Amino acid sequence: MNSKTHQSPPMPGPGGKALLGAAIAWSLAWKGASLWRAARNGSKPWFVTLLVANTLGVLDAIYLFGVDRRHGDEALVERVILAETGEPPQRGHAQET
């Protein structure tokens, strides 16, 4: 039998703890903002993806500044069209043709 002793990994110093704390705070801030926005927009696939993926805020930032920005542009265009045509909002129903 091989009798190797188990050694614990070295504990991080004060600088390492501060860096770890900053990374956790950074990640939680991005994740909170992106999850809130995905839920508000009713985007279930993005909500689940953002909930389970831990990318230190990278995927969350992509959603907030890329994907969600397009969603806002579409809503603005829809409001402008409805205002000019005088048609009431469809409220989730398909447009009539």
PDB file of N, CA and C in Angstrom:
ATOM      1  N   MET A   1       0.833  -1.179   0.000  1.00  0.00           N
ATOM      2  CA  MET A   1       0.000   0.000   0.000  1.00  0.00           C
ATOM      3  C   MET A   1       0.876   1.241   0.000  1.00  0.00           C
ATOM      4  N   ASN A   2       0.446   2.221  -0.658  1.00  0.00           N
ATOM      5  CA  ASN A   2       1.144   3.495  -0.725  1.00  0.00           C
ATOM      6  C   ASN A   2       0.574   4.410   0.336  1.00  0.00           C
ATOM      7  N   SER A   3       1.392   4.934   1.200  1.00  0.00           N
ATOM      8  CA  SER A   3       0.893   5.774   2.288  1.00  0.00           C
ATOM      9  C   SER A   3       1.301   7.222   2.065  1.00  0.00           C
ATOM     10  N   LYS A   4       0.612   7.878   1.127  1.00  0.00           N
ATOM     11  CA  LYS A   4       0.853   9.294   0.898  1.00  0.00           C
ATOM     12  C   LYS A   4      -0.016  10.097   1.849  1.00  0.00           C
ATOM     13  N   THR A   5       0.550  11.149   2.361  1.00  0.00           N
ATOM     14  CA  THR A   5      -0.231  12.006   3.245  1.00  0.00           C
ATOM     15  C   THR A   5      -0.955  13.045   2.413  1.00  0.00           C
ATOM     16  N   HIS A   6      -2.131  13.376   2.837  1.00  0.00           N
ATOM     17  CA  HIS A   6      -2.938  14.384   2.145  1.00  0.00           C
ATOM     18  C   HIS A   6      -2.559  15.758   2.670  1.00  0.00           C
ATOM     19  N   GLN A   7      -2.189  16.654   1.755  1.00  0.00           N
ATOM     20  CA  GLN A   7      -1.834  18.002   2.156  1.00  0.00           C
ATOM     21  C   GLN A   7      -2.906  18.961   1.667  1.00  0.00           C
ATOM     22  N   SER A   8      -3.250  19.901   2.502  1.00  0.00           N
ATOM     23  CA  SER A   8      -4.220  20.930   2.129  1.00  0.00           C
ATOM     24  C   SER A   8      -3.535  21.947   1.234  1.00  0.00           C
ATOM     25  N   PRO A   9      -4.307  22.539   0.285  1.00  0.00           N
ATOM     26  CA  PRO A   9      -3.715  23.590  -0.544  1.00  0.00           C
ATOM     27  C   PRO A   9      -3.378  24.797   0.321  1.00  0.00           C
ATOM     28  N   PRO A  10      -2.366  25.564  -0.086  1.00  0.00           N
ATOM     29  CA  PRO A  10      -1.995  26.730   0.722  1.00  0.00           C
ATOM     30  C   PRO A  10      -3.123  27.751   0.760  1.00  0.00           C
ATOM     31  N   MET A  11      -3.287  28.392   1.893  1.00  0.00           N
ATOM     32  CA  MET A  11      -4.322  29.411   2.063  1.00  0.00           C
ATOM     33  C   MET A  11      -3.860  30.703   1.380  1.00  0.00           C
ATOM     34  N   PRO A  12      -4.779  31.381   0.690  1.00  0.00           N
ATOM     35  CA  PRO A  12      -4.384  32.635   0.049  1.00  0.00           C
ATOM     36  C   PRO A  12      -4.108  33.715   1.088  1.00  0.00           C
ATOM     37  N   GLY A  13      -3.188  34.593   0.754  1.00  0.00           N
ATOM     38  CA  GLY A  13      -2.871  35.706   1.648  1.00  0.00           C
ATOM     39  C   GLY A  13      -3.925  36.792   1.555  1.00  0.00           C
ATOM     40  N   PRO A  14      -3.713  37.938   2.193  1.00  0.00           N
ATOM     41  CA  PRO A  14      -4.686  39.031   2.180  1.00  0.00           C
ATOM     42  C   PRO A  14      -4.977  39.536   0.762  1.00  0.00           C
ATOM     43  N   GLY A  15      -3.950  39.576  -0.091  1.00  0.00           N
ATOM     44  CA  GLY A  15      -4.159  40.023  -1.465  1.00  0.00           C
ATOM     45  C   GLY A  15      -5.021  39.045  -2.252  1.00  0.00           C
ATOM     46  N   GLY A  16      -4.805  37.766  -2.019  1.00  0.00           N
ATOM     47  CA  GLY A  16      -5.590  36.729  -2.696  1.00  0.00           C
ATOM     48  C   GLY A  16      -7.039  36.740  -2.248  1.00  0.00           C
ATOM     49  N   LYS A  17      -7.249  36.966  -0.953  1.00  0.00           N
ATOM     50  CA  LYS A  17      -8.622  37.032  -0.436  1.00  0.00           C
ATOM     51  C   LYS A  17      -9.362  38.248  -0.991  1.00  0.00           C
ATOM     52  N   ALA A  18      -8.658  39.368  -1.095  1.00  0.00           N
ATOM     53  CA  ALA A  18      -9.279  40.581  -1.641  1.00  0.00           C
ATOM     54  C   ALA A  18      -9.625  40.387  -3.110  1.00  0.00           C
ATOM     55  N   LEU A  19      -8.734  39.737  -3.853  1.00  0.00           N
ATOM     56  CA  LEU A  19      -8.989  39.473  -5.271  1.00  0.00           C
ATOM     57  C   LEU A  19     -10.173  38.527  -5.442  1.00  0.00           C
ATOM     58  N   LEU A  20     -10.241  37.502  -4.629  1.00  0.00           N
ATOM     59  CA  LEU A  20     -11.361  36.563  -4.679  1.00  0.00           C
ATOM     60  C   LEU A  20     -12.671  37.268  -4.328  1.00  0.00           C
ATOM     61  N   GLY A  21     -12.656  38.107  -3.303  1.00  0.00           N
ATOM     62  CA  GLY A  21     -13.855  38.856  -2.922  1.00  0.00           C
ATOM     63  C   GLY A  21     -14.312  39.801  -4.025  1.00  0.00           C
ATOM     64  N   ALA A  22     -13.357  40.467  -4.670  1.00  0.00           N
ATOM     65  CA  ALA A  22     -13.690  41.371  -5.767  1.00  0.00           C
ATOM     66  C   ALA A  22     -14.281  40.610  -6.944  1.00  0.00           C
ATOM     67  N   ALA A  23     -13.727  39.435  -7.257  1.00  0.00           N
ATOM     68  CA  ALA A  23     -14.249  38.622  -8.357  1.00  0.00           C
ATOM     69  C   ALA A  23     -15.670  38.152  -8.060  1.00  0.00           C
ATOM     70  N   ILE A  24     -15.930  37.775  -6.833  1.00  0.00           N
ATOM     71  CA  ILE A  24     -17.272  37.329  -6.446  1.00  0.00           C
ATOM     72  C   ILE A  24     -18.260  38.488  -6.531  1.00  0.00           C
ATOM     73  N   ALA A  25     -17.887  39.649  -6.026  1.00  0.00           N
ATOM     74  CA  ALA A  25     -18.778  40.816  -6.084  1.00  0.00           C
ATOM     75  C   ALA A  25     -19.048  41.225  -7.527  1.00  0.00           C
ATOM     76  N   TRP A  26     -18.015  41.220  -8.352  1.00  0.00           N
ATOM     77  CA  TRP A  26     -18.140  41.563  -9.774  1.00  0.00           C
ATOM     78  C   TRP A  26     -19.121  40.606 -10.457  1.00  0.00           C
ATOM     79  N   SER A  27     -18.935  39.319 -10.240  1.00  0.00           N
ATOM     80  CA  SER A  27     -19.772  38.308 -10.870  1.00  0.00           C
ATOM     81  C   SER A  27     -21.222  38.411 -10.399  1.00  0.00           C
ATOM     82  N   LEU A  28     -21.432  38.609  -9.112  1.00  0.00           N
ATOM     83  CA  LEU A  28     -22.797  38.714  -8.581  1.00  0.00           C
ATOM     84  C   LEU A  28     -23.522  39.956  -9.108  1.00  0.00           C
ATOM     85  N   ALA A  29     -22.807  41.058  -9.252  1.00  0.00           N
ATOM     86  CA  ALA A  29     -23.433  42.277  -9.768  1.00  0.00           C
ATOM     87  C   ALA A  29     -23.898  42.078 -11.211  1.00  0.00           C
ATOM     88  N   TRP A  30     -23.045  41.529 -12.050  1.00  0.00           N
ATOM     89  CA  TRP A  30     -23.429  41.285 -13.443  1.00  0.00           C
ATOM     90  C   TRP A  30     -24.550  40.254 -13.524  1.00  0.00           C
ATOM     91  N   LYS A  31     -24.429  39.177 -12.750  1.00  0.00           N
ATOM     92  CA  LYS A  31     -25.438  38.119 -12.792  1.00  0.00           C
ATOM     93  C   LYS A  31     -26.790  38.640 -12.320  1.00  0.00           C
ATOM     94  N   GLY A  32     -26.809  39.431 -11.265  1.00  0.00           N
ATOM     95  CA  GLY A  32     -28.071  39.988 -10.774  1.00  0.00           C
ATOM     96  C   GLY A  32     -28.745  40.871 -11.804  1.00  0.00           C
ATOM     97  N   ALA A  33     -27.965  41.754 -12.435  1.00  0.00           N
ATOM     98  CA  ALA A  33     -28.536  42.654 -13.445  1.00  0.00           C
ATOM     99  C   ALA A  33     -29.052  41.898 -14.649  1.00  0.00           C
ATOM    100  N   SER A  34     -28.281  40.923 -15.120  1.00  0.00           N
ATOM    101  CA  SER A  34     -28.704  40.199 -16.323  1.00  0.00           C
ATOM    102  C   SER A  34     -29.899  39.283 -16.047  1.00  0.00           C
ATOM    103  N   LEU A  35     -29.926  38.629 -14.884  1.00  0.00           N
ATOM    104  CA  LEU A  35     -31.067  37.771 -14.551  1.00  0.00           C
ATOM    105  C   LEU A  35     -32.336  38.598 -14.391  1.00  0.00           C
ATOM    106  N   TRP A  36     -32.225  39.747 -13.764  1.00  0.00           N
ATOM    107  CA  TRP A  36     -33.388  40.614 -13.581  1.00  0.00           C
ATOM    108  C   TRP A  36     -33.931  41.059 -14.941  1.00  0.00           C
ATOM    109  N   ARG A  37     -33.040  41.479 -15.829  1.00  0.00           N
ATOM    110  CA  ARG A  37     -33.478  41.947 -17.145  1.00  0.00           C
ATOM    111  C   ARG A  37     -34.056  40.808 -17.981  1.00  0.00           C
ATOM    112  N   ALA A  38     -33.445  39.623 -17.939  1.00  0.00           N
ATOM    113  CA  ALA A  38     -33.959  38.476 -18.698  1.00  0.00           C
ATOM    114  C   ALA A  38     -35.342  38.079 -18.189  1.00  0.00           C
ATOM    115  N   ALA A  39     -35.536  38.102 -16.881  1.00  0.00           N
ATOM    116  CA  ALA A  39     -36.850  37.770 -16.314  1.00  0.00           C
ATOM    117  C   ALA A  39     -37.881  38.823 -16.710  1.00  0.00           C
ATOM    118  N   ARG A  40     -37.504  40.081 -16.651  1.00  0.00           N
ATOM    119  CA  ARG A  40     -38.420  41.158 -17.016  1.00  0.00           C
ATOM    120  C   ARG A  40     -38.823  41.077 -18.482  1.00  0.00           C
ATOM    121  N   ASN A  41     -37.888  40.639 -19.337  1.00  0.00           N
ATOM    122  CA  ASN A  41     -38.182  40.516 -20.763  1.00  0.00           C
ATOM    123  C   ASN A  41     -38.880  39.201 -21.104  1.00  0.00           C
ATOM    124  N   GLY A  42     -39.032  38.311 -20.140  1.00  0.00           N
ATOM    125  CA  GLY A  42     -39.695  37.037 -20.392  1.00  0.00           C
ATOM    126  C   GLY A  42     -38.853  36.086 -21.223  1.00  0.00           C
ATOM    127  N   SER A  43     -37.539  36.205 -21.160  1.00  0.00           N
ATOM    128  CA  SER A  43     -36.635  35.371 -21.946  1.00  0.00           C
ATOM    129  C   SER A  43     -36.171  34.181 -21.114  1.00  0.00           C
ATOM    130  N   LYS A  44     -36.956  33.115 -21.121  1.00  0.00           N
ATOM    131  CA  LYS A  44     -36.639  31.942 -20.301  1.00  0.00           C
ATOM    132  C   LYS A  44     -35.332  31.256 -20.697  1.00  0.00           C
ATOM    133  N   PRO A  45     -35.048  31.063 -22.006  1.00  0.00           N
ATOM    134  CA  PRO A  45     -33.769  30.405 -22.348  1.00  0.00           C
ATOM    135  C   PRO A  45     -32.554  31.204 -21.860  1.00  0.00           C
ATOM    136  N   TRP A  46     -32.580  32.529 -22.016  1.00  0.00           N
ATOM    137  CA  TRP A  46     -31.465  33.342 -21.538  1.00  0.00           C
ATOM    138  C   TRP A  46     -31.403  33.315 -20.023  1.00  0.00           C
ATOM    139  N   PHE A  47     -32.544  33.343 -19.349  1.00  0.00           N
ATOM    140  CA  PHE A  47     -32.555  33.320 -17.882  1.00  0.00           C
ATOM    141  C   PHE A  47     -31.872  32.056 -17.373  1.00  0.00           C
ATOM    142  N   VAL A  48     -32.245  30.905 -17.919  1.00  0.00           N
ATOM    143  CA  VAL A  48     -31.673  29.637 -17.469  1.00  0.00           C
ATOM    144  C   VAL A  48     -30.179  29.583 -17.792  1.00  0.00           C
ATOM    145  N   THR A  49     -29.815  30.018 -18.992  1.00  0.00           N
ATOM    146  CA  THR A  49     -28.396  30.010 -19.384  1.00  0.00           C
ATOM    147  C   THR A  49     -27.575  30.892 -18.456  1.00  0.00           C
ATOM    148  N   LEU A  50     -28.063  32.089 -18.189  1.00  0.00           N
ATOM    149  CA  LEU A  50     -27.332  33.004 -17.315  1.00  0.00           C
ATOM    150  C   LEU A  50     -27.283  32.491 -15.881  1.00  0.00           C
ATOM    151  N   LEU A  51     -28.320  31.785 -15.466  1.00  0.00           N
ATOM    152  CA  LEU A  51     -28.372  31.268 -14.102  1.00  0.00           C
ATOM    153  C   LEU A  51     -27.323  30.186 -13.878  1.00  0.00           C
ATOM    154  N   VAL A  52     -27.128  29.298 -14.860  1.00  0.00           N
ATOM    155  CA  VAL A  52     -26.224  28.161 -14.664  1.00  0.00           C
ATOM    156  C   VAL A  52     -24.797  28.421 -15.137  1.00  0.00           C
ATOM    157  N   ALA A  53     -24.581  29.414 -15.980  1.00  0.00           N
ATOM    158  CA  ALA A  53     -23.234  29.676 -16.500  1.00  0.00           C
ATOM    159  C   ALA A  53     -22.494  30.652 -15.589  1.00  0.00           C
ATOM    160  N   ASN A  54     -21.302  30.282 -15.196  1.00  0.00           N
ATOM    161  CA  ASN A  54     -20.466  31.164 -14.379  1.00  0.00           C
ATOM    162  C   ASN A  54     -19.265  31.584 -15.223  1.00  0.00           C
ATOM    163  N   THR A  55     -19.332  32.795 -15.764  1.00  0.00           N
ATOM    164  CA  THR A  55     -18.275  33.277 -16.650  1.00  0.00           C
ATOM    165  C   THR A  55     -17.679  34.593 -16.146  1.00  0.00           C
ATOM    166  N   LEU A  56     -17.771  34.850 -14.849  1.00  0.00           N
ATOM    167  CA  LEU A  56     -17.283  36.090 -14.242  1.00  0.00           C
ATOM    168  C   LEU A  56     -17.863  37.320 -14.916  1.00  0.00           C
ATOM    169  N   GLY A  57     -19.109  37.238 -15.316  1.00  0.00           N
ATOM    170  CA  GLY A  57     -19.807  38.404 -15.856  1.00  0.00           C
ATOM    171  C   GLY A  57     -19.703  38.576 -17.356  1.00  0.00           C
ATOM    172  N   VAL A  58     -18.912  37.760 -18.044  1.00  0.00           N
ATOM    173  CA  VAL A  58     -18.729  37.944 -19.482  1.00  0.00           C
ATOM    174  C   VAL A  58     -20.032  37.680 -20.229  1.00  0.00           C
ATOM    175  N   LEU A  59     -20.652  36.527 -20.023  1.00  0.00           N
ATOM    176  CA  LEU A  59     -21.903  36.206 -20.706  1.00  0.00           C
ATOM    177  C   LEU A  59     -23.015  37.165 -20.282  1.00  0.00           C
ATOM    178  N   ASP A  60     -23.008  37.566 -19.026  1.00  0.00           N
ATOM    179  CA  ASP A  60     -24.007  38.507 -18.527  1.00  0.00           C
ATOM    180  C   ASP A  60     -23.881  39.854 -19.232  1.00  0.00           C
ATOM    181  N   ALA A  61     -22.661  40.324 -19.427  1.00  0.00           N
ATOM    182  CA  ALA A  61     -22.436  41.590 -20.125  1.00  0.00           C
ATOM    183  C   ALA A  61     -22.847  41.492 -21.587  1.00  0.00           C
ATOM    184  N   ILE A  62     -22.574  40.345 -22.208  1.00  0.00           N
ATOM    185  CA  ILE A  62     -22.992  40.147 -23.606  1.00  0.00           C
ATOM    186  C   ILE A  62     -24.509  40.243 -23.701  1.00  0.00           C
ATOM    187  N   TYR A  63     -25.212  39.619 -22.761  1.00  0.00           N
ATOM    188  CA  TYR A  63     -26.679  39.704 -22.785  1.00  0.00           C
ATOM    189  C   TYR A  63     -27.147  41.141 -22.578  1.00  0.00           C
ATOM    190  N   LEU A  64     -26.599  41.816 -21.573  1.00  0.00           N
ATOM    191  CA  LEU A  64     -27.061  43.169 -21.250  1.00  0.00           C
ATOM    192  C   LEU A  64     -26.765  44.170 -22.356  1.00  0.00           C
ATOM    193  N   PHE A  65     -25.582  44.106 -22.946  1.00  0.00           N
ATOM    194  CA  PHE A  65     -25.185  45.115 -23.918  1.00  0.00           C
ATOM    195  C   PHE A  65     -25.380  44.697 -25.366  1.00  0.00           C
ATOM    196  N   GLY A  66     -25.628  43.424 -25.621  1.00  0.00           N
ATOM    197  CA  GLY A  66     -25.809  42.956 -26.991  1.00  0.00           C
ATOM    198  C   GLY A  66     -27.224  42.499 -27.259  1.00  0.00           C
ATOM    199  N   VAL A  67     -27.610  41.423 -26.630  1.00  0.00           N
ATOM    200  CA  VAL A  67     -28.911  40.809 -26.895  1.00  0.00           C
ATOM    201  C   VAL A  67     -30.051  41.685 -26.405  1.00  0.00           C
ATOM    202  N   ASP A  68     -29.983  42.165 -25.177  1.00  0.00           N
ATOM    203  CA  ASP A  68     -31.093  42.948 -24.625  1.00  0.00           C
ATOM    204  C   ASP A  68     -31.238  44.294 -25.320  1.00  0.00           C
ATOM    205  N   ARG A  69     -30.155  44.865 -25.789  1.00  0.00           N
ATOM    206  CA  ARG A  69     -30.224  46.151 -26.499  1.00  0.00           C
ATOM    207  C   ARG A  69     -31.058  45.993 -27.773  1.00  0.00           C
ATOM    208  N   ARG A  70     -30.904  44.863 -28.459  1.00  0.00           N
ATOM    209  CA  ARG A  70     -31.712  44.619 -29.659  1.00  0.00           C
ATOM    210  C   ARG A  70     -33.188  44.485 -29.298  1.00  0.00           C
ATOM    211  N   HIS A  71     -33.471  43.872 -28.154  1.00  0.00           N
ATOM    212  CA  HIS A  71     -34.860  43.729 -27.710  1.00  0.00           C
ATOM    213  C   HIS A  71     -35.485  45.106 -27.494  1.00  0.00           C
ATOM    214  N   GLY A  72     -34.749  46.010 -26.896  1.00  0.00           N
ATOM    215  CA  GLY A  72     -35.245  47.369 -26.668  1.00  0.00           C
ATOM    216  C   GLY A  72     -35.481  48.110 -27.971  1.00  0.00           C
ATOM    217  N   ASP A  73     -34.605  47.916 -28.965  1.00  0.00           N
ATOM    218  CA  ASP A  73     -34.775  48.557 -30.268  1.00  0.00           C
ATOM    219  C   ASP A  73     -36.040  48.065 -30.956  1.00  0.00           C
ATOM    220  N   GLU A  74     -36.312  46.767 -30.865  1.00  0.00           N
ATOM    221  CA  GLU A  74     -37.516  46.206 -31.478  1.00  0.00           C
ATOM    222  C   GLU A  74     -38.770  46.778 -30.823  1.00  0.00           C
ATOM    223  N   ALA A  75     -38.751  46.925 -29.519  1.00  0.00           N
ATOM    224  CA  ALA A  75     -39.907  47.475 -28.814  1.00  0.00           C
ATOM    225  C   ALA A  75     -40.125  48.936 -29.203  1.00  0.00           C
ATOM    226  N   LEU A  76     -39.046  49.688 -29.379  1.00  0.00           N
ATOM    227  CA  LEU A  76     -39.157  51.084 -29.790  1.00  0.00           C
ATOM    228  C   LEU A  76     -39.750  51.191 -31.186  1.00  0.00           C
ATOM    229  N   VAL A  77     -39.280  50.366 -32.106  1.00  0.00           N
ATOM    230  CA  VAL A  77     -39.812  50.372 -33.475  1.00  0.00           C
ATOM    231  C   VAL A  77     -41.292  50.030 -33.456  1.00  0.00           C
ATOM    232  N   GLU A  78     -41.668  49.049 -32.667  1.00  0.00           N
ATOM    233  CA  GLU A  78     -43.077  48.647 -32.565  1.00  0.00           C
ATOM    234  C   GLU A  78     -43.928  49.801 -32.048  1.00  0.00           C
ATOM    235  N   ARG A  79     -43.462  50.505 -31.027  1.00  0.00           N
ATOM    236  CA  ARG A  79     -44.218  51.638 -30.482  1.00  0.00           C
ATOM    237  C   ARG A  79     -44.376  52.758 -31.507  1.00  0.00           C
ATOM    238  N   VAL A  80     -43.326  53.030 -32.277  1.00  0.00           N
ATOM    239  CA  VAL A  80     -43.394  54.072 -33.302  1.00  0.00           C
ATOM    240  C   VAL A  80     -44.403  53.695 -34.380  1.00  0.00           C
ATOM    241  N   ILE A  81     -44.373  52.449 -34.821  1.00  0.00           N
ATOM    242  CA  ILE A  81     -45.317  51.998 -35.850  1.00  0.00           C
ATOM    243  C   ILE A  81     -46.746  52.091 -35.344  1.00  0.00           C
ATOM    244  N   LEU A  82     -46.971  51.638 -34.117  1.00  0.00           N
ATOM    245  CA  LEU A  82     -48.325  51.683 -33.566  1.00  0.00           C
ATOM    246  C   LEU A  82     -48.807  53.122 -33.391  1.00  0.00           C
ATOM    247  N   ALA A  83     -47.898  54.025 -33.011  1.00  0.00           N
ATOM    248  CA  ALA A  83     -48.287  55.426 -32.835  1.00  0.00           C
ATOM    249  C   ALA A  83     -48.655  56.056 -34.173  1.00  0.00           C
ATOM    250  N   GLU A  84     -47.921  55.725 -35.233  1.00  0.00           N
ATOM    251  CA  GLU A  84     -48.185  56.330 -36.537  1.00  0.00           C
ATOM    252  C   GLU A  84     -49.426  55.748 -37.208  1.00  0.00           C
ATOM    253  N   THR A  85     -49.710  54.483 -36.990  1.00  0.00           N
ATOM    254  CA  THR A  85     -50.863  53.859 -37.638  1.00  0.00           C
ATOM    255  C   THR A  85     -52.131  53.989 -36.800  1.00  0.00           C
ATOM    256  N   GLY A  86     -51.986  54.279 -35.522  1.00  0.00           N
ATOM    257  CA  GLY A  86     -53.145  54.383 -34.648  1.00  0.00           C
ATOM    258  C   GLY A  86     -53.706  53.035 -34.237  1.00  0.00           C
ATOM    259  N   GLU A  87     -52.988  51.967 -34.574  1.00  0.00           N
ATOM    260  CA  GLU A  87     -53.429  50.617 -34.237  1.00  0.00           C
ATOM    261  C   GLU A  87     -53.115  50.324 -32.769  1.00  0.00           C
ATOM    262  N   PRO A  88     -54.025  49.669 -32.049  1.00  0.00           N
ATOM    263  CA  PRO A  88     -53.749  49.331 -30.642  1.00  0.00           C
ATOM    264  C   PRO A  88     -52.679  48.241 -30.556  1.00  0.00           C
ATOM    265  N   PRO A  89     -51.957  48.177 -29.454  1.00  0.00           N
ATOM    266  CA  PRO A  89     -50.951  47.127 -29.286  1.00  0.00           C
ATOM    267  C   PRO A  89     -51.588  45.745 -29.322  1.00  0.00           C
ATOM    268  N   GLN A  90     -50.843  44.753 -29.824  1.00  0.00           N
ATOM    269  CA  GLN A  90     -51.364  43.406 -29.974  1.00  0.00           C
ATOM    270  C   GLN A  90     -51.310  42.604 -28.682  1.00  0.00           C
ATOM    271  N   ARG A  91     -50.557  43.051 -27.706  1.00  0.00           N
ATOM    272  CA  ARG A  91     -50.438  42.416 -26.381  1.00  0.00           C
ATOM    273  C   ARG A  91     -50.123  40.923 -26.470  1.00  0.00           C
ATOM    274  N   GLY A  92     -49.104  40.590 -27.243  1.00  0.00           N
ATOM    275  CA  GLY A  92     -48.655  39.212 -27.331  1.00  0.00           C
ATOM    276  C   GLY A  92     -49.336  38.385 -28.388  1.00  0.00           C
ATOM    277  N   HIS A  93     -50.350  38.927 -29.034  1.00  0.00           N
ATOM    278  CA  HIS A  93     -51.020  38.189 -30.100  1.00  0.00           C
ATOM    279  C   HIS A  93     -50.319  38.452 -31.410  1.00  0.00           C
ATOM    280  N   ALA A  94     -50.427  37.523 -32.344  1.00  0.00           N
ATOM    281  CA  ALA A  94     -49.794  37.671 -33.643  1.00  0.00           C
ATOM    282  C   ALA A  94     -50.439  38.814 -34.403  1.00  0.00           C
ATOM    283  N   GLN A  95     -49.646  39.494 -35.220  1.00  0.00           N
ATOM    284  CA  GLN A  95     -50.173  40.585 -36.038  1.00  0.00           C
ATOM    285  C   GLN A  95     -51.179  40.031 -37.040  1.00  0.00           C
ATOM    286  N   GLU A  96     -52.236  40.783 -37.259  1.00  0.00           N
ATOM    287  CA  GLU A  96     -53.223  40.378 -38.260  1.00  0.00           C
ATOM    288  C   GLU A  96     -52.710  40.731 -39.624  1.00  0.00           C
ATOM    289  N   THR A  97     -53.012  39.875 -40.606  1.00  0.00           N
ATOM    290  CA  THR A  97     -52.573  40.163 -41.967  1.00  0.00           C
ATOM    291  C   THR A  97     -53.745  40.366 -42.891  1.00  0.00           C
TER     292      THR A  97
END
